[in-house]
Amino acid sequence: MLFLKQDKERSEKELDCYGYCLDQGIVHFLNTEFGKAAAYHENIARSLWELQRMKNSKEMDDQAWMMLKQIEAQQQQEELLNKLRSRL
C-alpha cells in the first residue's frame, strides 16, 4: 500500500485531479491557450506535492512500525535470556 488507510480517499481524489488536470493542460496547450494550460499544470504540481506528502507519511509510519517491532523482538529476547539465566 502506497498511502495510509486514512489517506485513501484523499489520495484517490488527488490522483483523479492529476489525471484531469493533465488532460486539460494538454488540450489547452494544443489550442495555444498557454495561460490556461499553465494553470492546469500548477494544479498538477499541487496534486503531486500532496501525493508526495501522503507517501512520506506512510513511509514514516512504516519506519515507526518497524522500529516498534524491533524493540518488541529485543524485549522478548531479553526476557528469554533472563529466564534461561534464572534456571542456571
N, C-alpha and C. Protein backbone atom coordinates (compact mmCIF):
# COMPACT_ATOMS: atom_id res chain seq x y z
N MET A 1 0.85 -1.17 0.00
CA MET A 1 0.00 0.00 0.00
C MET A 1 0.90 1.24 0.00
N LEU A 2 0.60 2.18 -0.86
CA LEU A 2 1.43 3.37 -1.03
C LEU A 2 1.11 4.47 -0.03
N PHE A 3 -0.15 4.51 0.43
CA PHE A 3 -0.59 5.57 1.34
C PHE A 3 -1.23 4.96 2.58
N LEU A 4 -1.33 5.76 3.63
CA LEU A 4 -2.03 5.33 4.84
C LEU A 4 -3.50 5.10 4.54
N LYS A 5 -4.12 4.20 5.29
CA LYS A 5 -5.56 3.94 5.09
C LYS A 5 -6.37 5.22 5.24
N GLN A 6 -5.97 6.06 6.19
CA GLN A 6 -6.72 7.31 6.42
C GLN A 6 -6.58 8.29 5.25
N ASP A 7 -5.56 8.10 4.39
CA ASP A 7 -5.36 8.97 3.24
C ASP A 7 -5.91 8.37 1.95
N LYS A 8 -6.54 7.21 2.03
CA LYS A 8 -7.01 6.51 0.83
C LYS A 8 -7.93 7.38 -0.02
N GLU A 9 -8.97 7.92 0.58
CA GLU A 9 -9.93 8.73 -0.18
C GLU A 9 -9.26 9.98 -0.75
N ARG A 10 -8.45 10.63 0.06
CA ARG A 10 -7.78 11.86 -0.38
C ARG A 10 -6.80 11.55 -1.52
N SER A 11 -6.06 10.46 -1.41
CA SER A 11 -5.10 10.12 -2.46
C SER A 11 -5.81 9.79 -3.77
N GLU A 12 -6.96 9.12 -3.69
CA GLU A 12 -7.72 8.82 -4.90
C GLU A 12 -8.21 10.11 -5.56
N LYS A 13 -8.65 11.07 -4.75
CA LYS A 13 -9.09 12.35 -5.30
C LYS A 13 -7.93 13.10 -5.95
N GLU A 14 -6.78 13.06 -5.32
CA GLU A 14 -5.61 13.73 -5.89
C GLU A 14 -5.17 13.07 -7.18
N LEU A 15 -5.22 11.74 -7.23
CA LEU A 15 -4.87 11.04 -8.47
C LEU A 15 -5.85 11.38 -9.59
N ASP A 16 -7.13 11.45 -9.26
CA ASP A 16 -8.14 11.85 -10.25
C ASP A 16 -7.89 13.28 -10.72
N CYS A 17 -7.59 14.16 -9.77
CA CYS A 17 -7.32 15.56 -10.10
C CYS A 17 -6.10 15.66 -11.02
N TYR A 18 -5.07 14.90 -10.69
CA TYR A 18 -3.86 14.89 -11.51
C TYR A 18 -4.20 14.49 -12.96
N GLY A 19 -4.94 13.40 -13.12
CA GLY A 19 -5.30 12.94 -14.46
C GLY A 19 -6.13 13.94 -15.23
N TYR A 20 -7.13 14.52 -14.56
CA TYR A 20 -7.99 15.51 -15.19
C TYR A 20 -7.18 16.74 -15.61
N CYS A 21 -6.37 17.24 -14.70
CA CYS A 21 -5.58 18.44 -15.00
C CYS A 21 -4.57 18.18 -16.11
N LEU A 22 -4.00 16.99 -16.12
CA LEU A 22 -3.05 16.64 -17.18
C LEU A 22 -3.75 16.66 -18.54
N ASP A 23 -4.92 16.03 -18.62
CA ASP A 23 -5.68 16.03 -19.87
C ASP A 23 -6.03 17.44 -20.31
N GLN A 24 -6.57 18.23 -19.38
CA GLN A 24 -6.98 19.59 -19.71
C GLN A 24 -5.78 20.47 -20.06
N GLY A 25 -4.69 20.29 -19.35
CA GLY A 25 -3.48 21.06 -19.64
C GLY A 25 -2.98 20.80 -21.05
N ILE A 26 -3.02 19.56 -21.47
CA ILE A 26 -2.59 19.21 -22.83
C ILE A 26 -3.54 19.81 -23.86
N VAL A 27 -4.84 19.71 -23.61
CA VAL A 27 -5.83 20.27 -24.53
C VAL A 27 -5.59 21.77 -24.72
N HIS A 28 -5.43 22.48 -23.60
CA HIS A 28 -5.23 23.93 -23.70
C HIS A 28 -3.89 24.26 -24.34
N PHE A 29 -2.87 23.46 -24.08
CA PHE A 29 -1.58 23.66 -24.72
C PHE A 29 -1.71 23.50 -26.23
N LEU A 30 -2.38 22.44 -26.66
CA LEU A 30 -2.55 22.20 -28.10
C LEU A 30 -3.37 23.28 -28.77
N ASN A 31 -4.24 23.93 -28.01
CA ASN A 31 -5.04 25.04 -28.54
C ASN A 31 -4.35 26.39 -28.34
N THR A 32 -3.09 26.35 -28.01
CA THR A 32 -2.25 27.53 -27.75
C THR A 32 -2.83 28.46 -26.68
N GLU A 33 -3.56 27.88 -25.74
CA GLU A 33 -4.07 28.64 -24.59
C GLU A 33 -3.09 28.39 -23.44
N PHE A 34 -1.94 29.02 -23.54
CA PHE A 34 -0.84 28.71 -22.64
C PHE A 34 -1.11 29.11 -21.20
N GLY A 35 -1.81 30.20 -20.98
CA GLY A 35 -2.14 30.61 -19.62
C GLY A 35 -3.03 29.59 -18.93
N LYS A 36 -4.05 29.12 -19.67
CA LYS A 36 -4.93 28.09 -19.10
C LYS A 36 -4.16 26.79 -18.87
N ALA A 37 -3.31 26.45 -19.84
CA ALA A 37 -2.50 25.24 -19.69
C ALA A 37 -1.61 25.35 -18.45
N ALA A 38 -1.04 26.53 -18.24
CA ALA A 38 -0.16 26.73 -17.08
C ALA A 38 -0.94 26.56 -15.78
N ALA A 39 -2.16 27.08 -15.74
CA ALA A 39 -2.98 26.94 -14.52
C ALA A 39 -3.24 25.46 -14.21
N TYR A 40 -3.54 24.68 -15.23
CA TYR A 40 -3.75 23.24 -15.01
C TYR A 40 -2.46 22.56 -14.56
N HIS A 41 -1.34 22.98 -15.14
CA HIS A 41 -0.07 22.37 -14.75
C HIS A 41 0.32 22.77 -13.33
N GLU A 42 -0.06 23.95 -12.89
CA GLU A 42 0.17 24.33 -11.49
C GLU A 42 -0.64 23.43 -10.56
N ASN A 43 -1.86 23.10 -10.97
CA ASN A 43 -2.67 22.18 -10.17
C ASN A 43 -2.10 20.76 -10.19
N ILE A 44 -1.49 20.39 -11.31
CA ILE A 44 -0.81 19.09 -11.38
C ILE A 44 0.30 19.05 -10.34
N ALA A 45 1.10 20.11 -10.30
CA ALA A 45 2.20 20.18 -9.34
C ALA A 45 1.67 20.12 -7.91
N ARG A 46 0.58 20.82 -7.63
CA ARG A 46 0.00 20.82 -6.29
C ARG A 46 -0.44 19.40 -5.91
N SER A 47 -1.11 18.71 -6.85
CA SER A 47 -1.54 17.33 -6.58
C SER A 47 -0.34 16.42 -6.34
N LEU A 48 0.70 16.59 -7.13
CA LEU A 48 1.89 15.76 -6.95
C LEU A 48 2.56 16.00 -5.60
N TRP A 49 2.63 17.26 -5.17
CA TRP A 49 3.20 17.57 -3.85
C TRP A 49 2.36 16.95 -2.74
N GLU A 50 1.05 17.00 -2.89
CA GLU A 50 0.17 16.41 -1.88
C GLU A 50 0.32 14.89 -1.85
N LEU A 51 0.41 14.27 -3.02
CA LEU A 51 0.63 12.82 -3.08
C LEU A 51 1.98 12.45 -2.44
N GLN A 52 2.99 13.27 -2.69
CA GLN A 52 4.30 13.02 -2.08
C GLN A 52 4.22 13.14 -0.56
N ARG A 53 3.49 14.14 -0.07
CA ARG A 53 3.33 14.32 1.37
C ARG A 53 2.67 13.08 1.99
N MET A 54 1.63 12.58 1.33
CA MET A 54 0.94 11.40 1.85
C MET A 54 1.84 10.16 1.79
N LYS A 55 2.63 10.05 0.74
CA LYS A 55 3.57 8.93 0.63
C LYS A 55 4.61 9.01 1.74
N ASN A 56 5.12 10.22 2.00
CA ASN A 56 6.10 10.41 3.07
C ASN A 56 5.51 10.02 4.42
N SER A 57 4.25 10.36 4.64
CA SER A 57 3.58 9.99 5.90
C SER A 57 3.53 8.48 6.05
N LYS A 58 3.22 7.79 4.97
CA LYS A 58 3.16 6.32 5.00
C LYS A 58 4.54 5.74 5.29
N GLU A 59 5.57 6.30 4.66
CA GLU A 59 6.92 5.80 4.88
C GLU A 59 7.35 6.01 6.33
N MET A 60 7.02 7.16 6.90
CA MET A 60 7.35 7.42 8.31
C MET A 60 6.59 6.46 9.22
N ASP A 61 5.33 6.21 8.92
CA ASP A 61 4.53 5.27 9.70
C ASP A 61 5.13 3.87 9.62
N ASP A 62 5.54 3.47 8.43
CA ASP A 62 6.16 2.15 8.25
C ASP A 62 7.46 2.04 9.05
N GLN A 63 8.27 3.11 9.03
CA GLN A 63 9.53 3.09 9.77
C GLN A 63 9.27 2.99 11.28
N ALA A 64 8.28 3.74 11.76
CA ALA A 64 7.94 3.69 13.18
C ALA A 64 7.46 2.30 13.57
N TRP A 65 6.65 1.68 12.72
CA TRP A 65 6.15 0.33 12.99
C TRP A 65 7.32 -0.66 13.04
N MET A 66 8.25 -0.52 12.11
CA MET A 66 9.41 -1.42 12.07
C MET A 66 10.26 -1.25 13.32
N MET A 67 10.47 -0.02 13.75
CA MET A 67 11.24 0.22 14.98
C MET A 67 10.55 -0.40 16.18
N LEU A 68 9.24 -0.26 16.25
CA LEU A 68 8.47 -0.84 17.35
C LEU A 68 8.62 -2.36 17.37
N LYS A 69 8.53 -2.98 16.20
CA LYS A 69 8.67 -4.44 16.12
C LYS A 69 10.08 -4.87 16.53
N GLN A 70 11.09 -4.09 16.17
CA GLN A 70 12.45 -4.42 16.57
C GLN A 70 12.62 -4.32 18.08
N ILE A 71 12.03 -3.29 18.68
CA ILE A 71 12.09 -3.12 20.13
C ILE A 71 11.38 -4.28 20.82
N GLU A 72 10.20 -4.65 20.31
CA GLU A 72 9.46 -5.77 20.89
C GLU A 72 10.26 -7.07 20.80
N ALA A 73 10.91 -7.29 19.66
CA ALA A 73 11.71 -8.50 19.49
C ALA A 73 12.89 -8.50 20.45
N GLN A 74 13.51 -7.35 20.62
CA GLN A 74 14.64 -7.25 21.55
C GLN A 74 14.18 -7.51 22.98
N GLN A 75 13.02 -6.98 23.35
CA GLN A 75 12.49 -7.21 24.70
C GLN A 75 12.18 -8.69 24.93
N GLN A 76 11.61 -9.34 23.93
CA GLN A 76 11.32 -10.77 24.05
C GLN A 76 12.60 -11.58 24.20
N GLN A 77 13.61 -11.18 23.44
CA GLN A 77 14.89 -11.87 23.52
C GLN A 77 15.51 -11.70 24.91
N GLU A 78 15.43 -10.50 25.45
CA GLU A 78 15.96 -10.25 26.79
C GLU A 78 15.19 -11.04 27.85
N GLU A 79 13.88 -11.15 27.70
CA GLU A 79 13.07 -11.93 28.63
C GLU A 79 13.47 -13.40 28.60
N LEU A 80 13.67 -13.92 27.41
CA LEU A 80 14.09 -15.32 27.29
C LEU A 80 15.46 -15.55 27.92
N LEU A 81 16.38 -14.62 27.67
CA LEU A 81 17.71 -14.75 28.27
C LEU A 81 17.63 -14.69 29.79
N ASN A 82 16.81 -13.81 30.32
CA ASN A 82 16.65 -13.71 31.77
C ASN A 82 16.06 -15.00 32.35
N LYS A 83 15.11 -15.60 31.66
CA LYS A 83 14.54 -16.87 32.11
C LYS A 83 15.59 -17.98 32.10
N LEU A 84 16.40 -18.00 31.05
CA LEU A 84 17.46 -19.01 30.96
C LEU A 84 18.47 -18.82 32.08
N ARG A 85 18.85 -17.60 32.34
CA ARG A 85 19.83 -17.30 33.39
C ARG A 85 19.29 -17.69 34.77
N SER A 86 18.01 -17.47 34.98
CA SER A 86 17.43 -17.79 36.29
C SER A 86 17.37 -19.30 36.52
N ARG A 87 17.38 -20.08 35.47
CA ARG A 87 17.33 -21.54 35.59
C ARG A 87 18.71 -22.15 35.75
N LEU A 88 19.72 -21.38 35.47
CA LEU A 88 21.09 -21.92 35.56
C LEU A 88 21.63 -21.81 36.92
